[in-house]
Amino acid sequence: MFGMSVFQSVLERLKAEEDEEEAARDEQAVSPSIRGLNAGFVGNVTPSAGLADSSAVQRAYFDMAGDDMLAPPKPLPAPVMPDHLKRVRPDEIATDLGIAEGETLQSLADKRRTFAADNHPDRHHPDFRANATMRMKIANMLIDEALRRLRIARVA
């Protein structure tokens, strides 16, 4: 390093660090590591130091595997739309909300919150979100109308 410029000494140091990192990577590449054991992994095992013949490994895996592990996965059942999401007419939603005479600001806010907990689109399967969205829109409209009437009645 003596007799070199600062720039040259920095380059030499970086080169030495790079060589050390490359040697470490080469050392890791020599020693195999297993992250997960699945059929794809077993099928691709190649004989090397410390590993058995790949066909023996494959046979051992399949001998130990139960029938349920070797069978293809069962398809998921089709989702079933909850009955309440099928009711999208305003009169049905009004019945579900149960808005009555004598409601207060707090009771209407509670009804909105309770209805949203059961009907919000984010809580349902994507196939049913259109119905859930429609129910939420109509419910919000009905509650907003009830709030408007309540405010008018308080002013009068």
C-alpha atoms as a PDB file:
ATOM      1  CA  MET A   1       0.000   0.000   0.000  1.00  0.00           C
ATOM      2  CA  PHE A   2       2.984   2.214   0.411  1.00  0.00           C
ATOM      3  CA  GLY A   3       3.765   4.118  -2.728  1.00  0.00           C
ATOM      4  CA  MET A   4       0.106   3.947  -3.885  1.00  0.00           C
ATOM      5  CA  SER A   5      -2.327   6.774  -4.130  1.00  0.00           C
ATOM      6  CA  VAL A   6      -5.311   6.788  -1.758  1.00  0.00           C
ATOM      7  CA  PHE A   7      -7.567   5.814  -4.666  1.00  0.00           C
ATOM      8  CA  GLN A   8      -5.373   2.834  -5.584  1.00  0.00           C
ATOM      9  CA  SER A   9      -5.250   1.626  -1.964  1.00  0.00           C
ATOM     10  CA  VAL A  10      -9.061   1.802  -1.720  1.00  0.00           C
ATOM     11  CA  LEU A  11      -9.381  -0.221  -4.933  1.00  0.00           C
ATOM     12  CA  GLU A  12      -6.951  -2.841  -3.609  1.00  0.00           C
ATOM     13  CA  ARG A  13      -8.875  -3.120  -0.329  1.00  0.00           C
ATOM     14  CA  LEU A  14     -12.219  -3.494  -2.172  1.00  0.00           C
ATOM     15  CA  LYS A  15     -10.711  -6.174  -4.423  1.00  0.00           C
ATOM     16  CA  ALA A  16      -9.441  -8.092  -1.372  1.00  0.00           C
ATOM     17  CA  GLU A  17     -12.883  -7.922   0.283  1.00  0.00           C
ATOM     18  CA  GLU A  18     -14.532  -9.102  -2.934  1.00  0.00           C
ATOM     19  CA  ASP A  19     -12.138 -12.061  -3.119  1.00  0.00           C
ATOM     20  CA  GLU A  20     -12.959 -12.996   0.506  1.00  0.00           C
ATOM     21  CA  GLU A  21     -16.719 -12.859  -0.201  1.00  0.00           C
ATOM     22  CA  GLU A  22     -16.297 -14.995  -3.336  1.00  0.00           C
ATOM     23  CA  ALA A  23     -14.321 -17.586  -1.378  1.00  0.00           C
ATOM     24  CA  ALA A  24     -17.063 -17.673   1.275  1.00  0.00           C
ATOM     25  CA  ARG A  25     -19.733 -18.160  -1.427  1.00  0.00           C
ATOM     26  CA  ASP A  26     -17.728 -20.982  -2.986  1.00  0.00           C
ATOM     27  CA  GLU A  27     -17.398 -22.652   0.408  1.00  0.00           C
ATOM     28  CA  GLN A  28     -21.183 -22.448   0.943  1.00  0.00           C
ATOM     29  CA  ALA A  29     -21.842 -23.878  -2.517  1.00  0.00           C
ATOM     30  CA  VAL A  30     -19.826 -26.983  -1.668  1.00  0.00           C
ATOM     31  CA  SER A  31     -21.828 -27.804   1.448  1.00  0.00           C
ATOM     32  CA  PRO A  32     -25.448 -28.629   0.514  1.00  0.00           C
ATOM     33  CA  SER A  33     -28.311 -27.199   2.501  1.00  0.00           C
ATOM     34  CA  ILE A  34     -31.904 -28.395   2.549  1.00  0.00           C
ATOM     35  CA  ARG A  35     -34.581 -25.714   2.835  1.00  0.00           C
ATOM     36  CA  GLY A  36     -37.637 -27.904   2.312  1.00  0.00           C
ATOM     37  CA  LEU A  37     -38.314 -31.475   1.456  1.00  0.00           C
ATOM     38  CA  ASN A  38     -40.884 -32.106  -1.243  1.00  0.00           C
ATOM     39  CA  ALA A  39     -41.277 -34.448  -4.180  1.00  0.00           C
ATOM     40  CA  GLY A  40     -39.645 -31.943  -6.543  1.00  0.00           C
ATOM     41  CA  PHE A  41     -36.604 -31.744  -4.329  1.00  0.00           C
ATOM     42  CA  VAL A  42     -36.311 -35.503  -3.969  1.00  0.00           C
ATOM     43  CA  GLY A  43     -36.571 -35.989  -7.733  1.00  0.00           C
ATOM     44  CA  ASN A  44     -33.714 -33.559  -8.327  1.00  0.00           C
ATOM     45  CA  VAL A  45     -31.247 -34.894  -5.757  1.00  0.00           C
ATOM     46  CA  THR A  46     -27.933 -35.827  -7.289  1.00  0.00           C
ATOM     47  CA  PRO A  47     -25.464 -38.130  -5.631  1.00  0.00           C
ATOM     48  CA  SER A  48     -22.653 -36.268  -3.954  1.00  0.00           C
ATOM     49  CA  ALA A  49     -20.523 -36.564  -0.875  1.00  0.00           C
ATOM     50  CA  GLY A  50     -22.735 -37.315   2.124  1.00  0.00           C
ATOM     51  CA  LEU A  51     -25.935 -37.959   0.112  1.00  0.00           C
ATOM     52  CA  ALA A  52     -27.374 -41.346  -0.797  1.00  0.00           C
ATOM     53  CA  ASP A  53     -28.244 -42.377  -4.344  1.00  0.00           C
ATOM     54  CA  SER A  54     -31.188 -40.256  -5.506  1.00  0.00           C
ATOM     55  CA  SER A  55     -33.333 -43.273  -6.405  1.00  0.00           C
ATOM     56  CA  ALA A  56     -32.852 -44.659  -2.887  1.00  0.00           C
ATOM     57  CA  VAL A  57     -33.862 -41.323  -1.401  1.00  0.00           C
ATOM     58  CA  GLN A  58     -36.902 -41.221  -3.652  1.00  0.00           C
ATOM     59  CA  ARG A  59     -37.932 -44.761  -2.718  1.00  0.00           C
ATOM     60  CA  ALA A  60     -37.505 -44.021   0.984  1.00  0.00           C
ATOM     61  CA  TYR A  61     -39.624 -40.909   0.692  1.00  0.00           C
ATOM     62  CA  PHE A  62     -42.475 -42.682  -1.093  1.00  0.00           C
ATOM     63  CA  ASP A  63     -42.266 -45.704   1.228  1.00  0.00           C
ATOM     64  CA  MET A  64     -42.728 -43.446   4.252  1.00  0.00           C
ATOM     65  CA  ALA A  65     -45.434 -41.299   2.654  1.00  0.00           C
ATOM     66  CA  GLY A  66     -48.992 -42.288   3.438  1.00  0.00           C
ATOM     67  CA  ASP A  67     -51.702 -42.594   0.805  1.00  0.00           C
ATOM     68  CA  ASP A  68     -53.083 -39.188   1.782  1.00  0.00           C
ATOM     69  CA  MET A  69     -49.719 -37.568   1.021  1.00  0.00           C
ATOM     70  CA  LEU A  70     -49.472 -39.141  -2.412  1.00  0.00           C
ATOM     71  CA  ALA A  71     -53.052 -38.449  -3.513  1.00  0.00           C
ATOM     72  CA  PRO A  72     -53.688 -35.269  -5.474  1.00  0.00           C
ATOM     73  CA  PRO A  73     -55.106 -32.474  -3.329  1.00  0.00           C
ATOM     74  CA  LYS A  74     -58.879 -32.339  -3.079  1.00  0.00           C
ATOM     75  CA  PRO A  75     -60.445 -29.292  -4.710  1.00  0.00           C
ATOM     76  CA  LEU A  76     -61.827 -26.708  -2.347  1.00  0.00           C
ATOM     77  CA  PRO A  77     -65.606 -26.686  -2.126  1.00  0.00           C
ATOM     78  CA  ALA A  78     -67.330 -23.907  -4.016  1.00  0.00           C
ATOM     79  CA  PRO A  79     -68.225 -21.081  -1.667  1.00  0.00           C
ATOM     80  CA  VAL A  80     -71.880 -20.791  -0.722  1.00  0.00           C
ATOM     81  CA  MET A  81     -73.429 -17.340  -0.552  1.00  0.00           C
ATOM     82  CA  PRO A  82     -74.853 -16.586   2.899  1.00  0.00           C
ATOM     83  CA  ASP A  83     -78.639 -16.187   2.855  1.00  0.00           C
ATOM     84  CA  HIS A  84     -78.567 -12.599   4.090  1.00  0.00           C
ATOM     85  CA  LEU A  85     -76.459 -11.524   1.082  1.00  0.00           C
ATOM     86  CA  LYS A  86     -79.180 -12.790  -1.255  1.00  0.00           C
ATOM     87  CA  ARG A  87     -81.584 -10.157   0.107  1.00  0.00           C
ATOM     88  CA  VAL A  88     -80.774  -6.979  -1.835  1.00  0.00           C
ATOM     89  CA  ARG A  89     -84.165  -5.302  -2.200  1.00  0.00           C
ATOM     90  CA  PRO A  90     -84.589  -2.117  -0.119  1.00  0.00           C
ATOM     91  CA  ASP A  91     -87.607  -3.502   1.786  1.00  0.00           C
ATOM     92  CA  GLU A  92     -85.641  -6.641   2.746  1.00  0.00           C
ATOM     93  CA  ILE A  93     -82.685  -4.581   3.906  1.00  0.00           C
ATOM     94  CA  ALA A  94     -84.978  -2.238   5.868  1.00  0.00           C
ATOM     95  CA  THR A  95     -86.372  -5.305   7.633  1.00  0.00           C
ATOM     96  CA  ASP A  96     -82.829  -6.528   8.367  1.00  0.00           C
ATOM     97  CA  LEU A  97     -81.913  -3.114   9.788  1.00  0.00           C
ATOM     98  CA  GLY A  98     -85.018  -2.945  11.943  1.00  0.00           C
ATOM     99  CA  ILE A  99     -85.299   0.836  11.899  1.00  0.00           C
ATOM    100  CA  ALA A 100     -88.322   1.852  13.984  1.00  0.00           C
ATOM    101  CA  GLU A 101     -89.937   4.996  15.373  1.00  0.00           C
ATOM    102  CA  GLY A 102     -88.086   6.536  18.260  1.00  0.00           C
ATOM    103  CA  GLU A 103     -84.583   5.808  17.017  1.00  0.00           C
ATOM    104  CA  THR A 104     -81.808   8.034  18.340  1.00  0.00           C
ATOM    105  CA  LEU A 105     -78.582   9.190  16.741  1.00  0.00           C
ATOM    106  CA  GLN A 106     -76.720   6.605  18.822  1.00  0.00           C
ATOM    107  CA  SER A 107     -79.095   3.734  18.021  1.00  0.00           C
ATOM    108  CA  LEU A 108     -78.879   4.486  14.289  1.00  0.00           C
ATOM    109  CA  ALA A 109     -75.067   4.613  14.492  1.00  0.00           C
ATOM    110  CA  ASP A 110     -75.133   1.263  16.321  1.00  0.00           C
ATOM    111  CA  LYS A 111     -77.383  -0.258  13.646  1.00  0.00           C
ATOM    112  CA  ARG A 112     -75.030   0.968  10.925  1.00  0.00           C
ATOM    113  CA  ARG A 113     -72.023  -0.526  12.710  1.00  0.00           C
ATOM    114  CA  THR A 114     -73.755  -3.846  13.383  1.00  0.00           C
ATOM    115  CA  PHE A 115     -75.000  -4.106   9.796  1.00  0.00           C
ATOM    116  CA  ALA A 116     -71.532  -3.323   8.440  1.00  0.00           C
ATOM    117  CA  ALA A 117     -69.969  -5.990  10.649  1.00  0.00           C
ATOM    118  CA  ASP A 118     -72.114  -8.643   8.933  1.00  0.00           C
ATOM    119  CA  ASN A 119     -72.343  -7.213   5.424  1.00  0.00           C
ATOM    120  CA  HIS A 120     -69.195  -5.277   4.586  1.00  0.00           C
ATOM    121  CA  PRO A 121     -67.756  -6.455   1.230  1.00  0.00           C
ATOM    122  CA  ASP A 122     -64.264  -6.933   2.673  1.00  0.00           C
ATOM    123  CA  ARG A 123     -65.640  -9.634   4.985  1.00  0.00           C
ATOM    124  CA  HIS A 124     -66.998 -11.815   2.191  1.00  0.00           C
ATOM    125  CA  HIS A 125     -65.729 -14.000  -0.632  1.00  0.00           C
ATOM    126  CA  PRO A 126     -64.942 -11.995  -3.793  1.00  0.00           C
ATOM    127  CA  ASP A 127     -67.797 -13.722  -5.636  1.00  0.00           C
ATOM    128  CA  PHE A 128     -70.281 -12.220  -3.165  1.00  0.00           C
ATOM    129  CA  ARG A 129     -68.884  -8.706  -2.851  1.00  0.00           C
ATOM    130  CA  ALA A 130     -71.275  -7.204  -5.397  1.00  0.00           C
ATOM    131  CA  ASN A 131     -74.253  -8.252  -3.257  1.00  0.00           C
ATOM    132  CA  ALA A 132     -72.530  -7.107  -0.071  1.00  0.00           C
ATOM    133  CA  THR A 133     -71.729  -3.737  -1.649  1.00  0.00           C
ATOM    134  CA  MET A 134     -75.316  -3.302  -2.788  1.00  0.00           C
ATOM    135  CA  ARG A 135     -76.593  -4.146   0.699  1.00  0.00           C
ATOM    136  CA  MET A 136     -74.202  -1.650   2.279  1.00  0.00           C
ATOM    137  CA  LYS A 137     -75.199   1.131  -0.136  1.00  0.00           C
ATOM    138  CA  ILE A 138     -78.907   0.612   0.459  1.00  0.00           C
ATOM    139  CA  ALA A 139     -78.463   0.286   4.232  1.00  0.00           C
ATOM    140  CA  ASN A 140     -76.418   3.485   4.372  1.00  0.00           C
ATOM    141  CA  MET A 141     -79.075   5.262   2.296  1.00  0.00           C
ATOM    142  CA  LEU A 142     -81.855   4.055   4.631  1.00  0.00           C
ATOM    143  CA  ILE A 143     -79.948   5.021   7.772  1.00  0.00           C
ATOM    144  CA  ASP A 144     -79.013   8.419   6.308  1.00  0.00           C
ATOM    145  CA  GLU A 145     -82.690   9.007   5.507  1.00  0.00           C
ATOM    146  CA  ALA A 146     -83.666   8.046   9.068  1.00  0.00           C
ATOM    147  CA  LEU A 147     -81.018  10.435  10.424  1.00  0.00           C
ATOM    148  CA  ARG A 148     -82.330  13.228   8.176  1.00  0.00           C
ATOM    149  CA  ARG A 149     -85.890  12.669   9.454  1.00  0.00           C
ATOM    150  CA  LEU A 150     -84.644  12.567  13.041  1.00  0.00           C
ATOM    151  CA  ARG A 151     -82.859  15.912  12.627  1.00  0.00           C
ATOM    152  CA  ILE A 152     -85.932  17.485  11.021  1.00  0.00           C
ATOM    153  CA  ALA A 153     -88.101  16.226  13.888  1.00  0.00           C
ATOM    154  CA  ARG A 154     -85.678  17.663  16.467  1.00  0.00           C
ATOM    155  CA  VAL A 155     -85.751  21.085  14.822  1.00  0.00           C
ATOM    156  CA  ALA A 156     -89.534  21.192  14.600  1.00  0.00           C
END
